[in-house]
Structures are given as structure tokens and as C-alpha cells.
């Protein structure tokens, strides 16, 4: 199933050199769809997924806010036109200096998940609003995010109670069900956990004003390591979220607000790379079997960082309908991790591919720019461009 737009394909066809292309109208459309599916929910784009000024500015024009994870991200979002009122510091890992810097920039909403962090916030962000992140299992997600962040329900009560004692405003709870979450039940379990904590906080006289549903909304155009299309149950996910929100409002009252932090859902399918073939080679492995390797001009370190978990879809525009061979797809560097799965990730590629032939890499708008190195092995980060109503 194709999720990219015709203007994006046109831009790839017209590109004379390697670059990333972002479809700004496509991103707008995805944002508008999210607002229709979750009416009344404030959207805070997880800008780490695509820290591109033009993307941030376009989303800001639509009313979208930002989930920032560092003072530098706060500064970039401000330059792009995101108002402070639609921004929060969503990273629970932050130094005293970063707390002070973000507070000095005007930020007043901070995530937390420990007593140590709350103490630091009270010292360096006096009077700030805090929301506590609950841990989740991450089950059902391609990237579980289940260990580094979040606390237990009991700890969350203790953290927000301490926040109140220290003069901070205990404002909310948050969760993150894991990135590219494929199971609707992950949101149901998280919302049930939030309900329990809201009730426990109410018994202590703490009344929160919002729940942050976090990230995890999946992109539509990925394939798994074996090349099978992933088919996230988006309709069911949205239904579960809406039902859970209604249940939480019954517990807390209709004054409870909601925030969500999509990243790849907004941008993954709206970005693609125009790359080229470095070489299609065939050689025998230690077992004597002949295997094809397709080396591309971009890989894990300049645009395709997540190639160890997903197969990016490839289009070979100059070889439609040609005879194909199964190949391992790899990037150009000397790092052995710069490749799709060697065992299960063989991709049918045209047998007649020659060095220099164009290749389109689809559904790679998320994390393509943010994970690029400064030039590992001398392979430079890709430049980017964008289309706006069909124009680049």
C-alpha cells in the first residue's frame, strides 16, 4: 500500500543528486487527521523525529506544539514560531544546567520521574508545572522504551506529592507505550494505569489538570525485518484512546485535558530519500552459497539509522519490471551494522542495476536527519529539501 503523495514521487524523479525530500502538505494532512480522530487533544510534535525548521514552522502554523528534550530544541522551536504556551520539556533526563537554561528561556512545563529530578526542578525552575511519567512494558512496539524512563504508580504518587511540598505544581501524568506501537491494548493498559494513579492522587488531595498520552502512534509504510508490510490497527488504536479518555474524565471530571506527542506518525511516510546505487555485487559466503549485496549511497549513518529494525521500501525508477535477484541491502560504510538483516532481510532488486542508478527510499521521514552523523567514513549527511503544494 502506498502512503506517499504524487508530488513527493515527482520531486524524487526530478532530483539530480542524493537528498531527503519532505512533503509539507502531506505532514499537514496527517496532523489534521490526528486532530479529527482525537478532538480536543493538544498535539505536541516530538521534534526529535524530524528537527527540520520548515517542518516545525508548518506544524506551528497549524496550531501544533512541541515536545522538546533539551534547551537547544526549545531554542530551535522558538525560532520556528512555536509559542512557549504550546511547548513542554518532555525529557525526564536533564542536568541542573539544562533545567535552568530551559527555565530561563521561559519554559514552565517539565516532565519528571524521580524524587531527585523533582528536587532539582524546585531549585532551578521555581514554581514550574510538572507531569510525572509512568513506566510501561513497551510490549507490542518495535522500540519498547521500557527501561530508561518512567516510574511505578506508587513512585509517581510520591514524586507528585514531593513536587507539591517543594512549591511546584503537580499538573499531570504521562506515558509512552513504545515507538511504532502496533498493539491497541498497549494504550488500554497505560490508560488503566493512569486511572489508578489519578484515584490515588485524589485521595491525597492532588488534582491534576492533564494527561499526556505520549508518543507511539505508528507510521503506515514500514516493513518488518523480513520485508513484510506492517499493518498497524490505527482505527482500533484511536478508538481505545477515545474510550480511555472518556473513562479518565469520569474519574477526574470534564476539566481534565489531554496531550499527545506524535513523532513518526506525522512525518515518517511524508519523507523519502533520493539515493543511488554504489554497487550490486555477488560473492560466495563461508558456506559456499552465492549471495548478492546491494550497496547504496546512504545507510545507517546518513539517513537510514533504523534499518536494523525495519526494511525501508525501495523503488528503482529506471528498472520497472526488470528481472530481480534477492540481495542484502547495505549502506556505503565499512561498518558491518550498516545493513538490513543478513539472514532474513533479503530484498528483491533488479539484476541489471549499475553503479549510479537512482534509488528511492520511502517512508524514511522520521529520524532521517536527526540520527545522521557528521560524516562517518567520510560519507556526508544528506541535504534536505521540501515540497509545498507541489513545489520544491
Foldseek 3Di string as FASTA:
>chain_A
DADEDPLVVVVLVPDPAKFKAFAQVLLVVLVVVVCVLPPQAAEAAACLFPVDLVNLLSVVVVVHHHAAAFLVSVVSSVVSPHDLVRYEHEHQDDDLVRLLSNVVVPHQEYEHAAQVSLVSCCVRNPQGEYEYEAAAQQPQELFRPHPPGHDHLVSRLVNCVVNVVSNYADAYYEYASYAQRQDLVSLLVVLVRRLVSQVVNVVVVRAHQEYEDEEHHHAQAWAWLLRHGRHRPNVSNSVSNVVSVVVSCVSRNPRYGYYYHYYLSSTQQRMKIKWWWQDWDWDADPVRDIAIETEIQDFCQAFHVPLATTDFDKDQVVAPPAAWDWHWYAYDDPDPVRTRDPPRRTDTDHPPGDGGGIMMTGRRRTNRQSRHDCAVVNRHHHHHYYDDPSRD
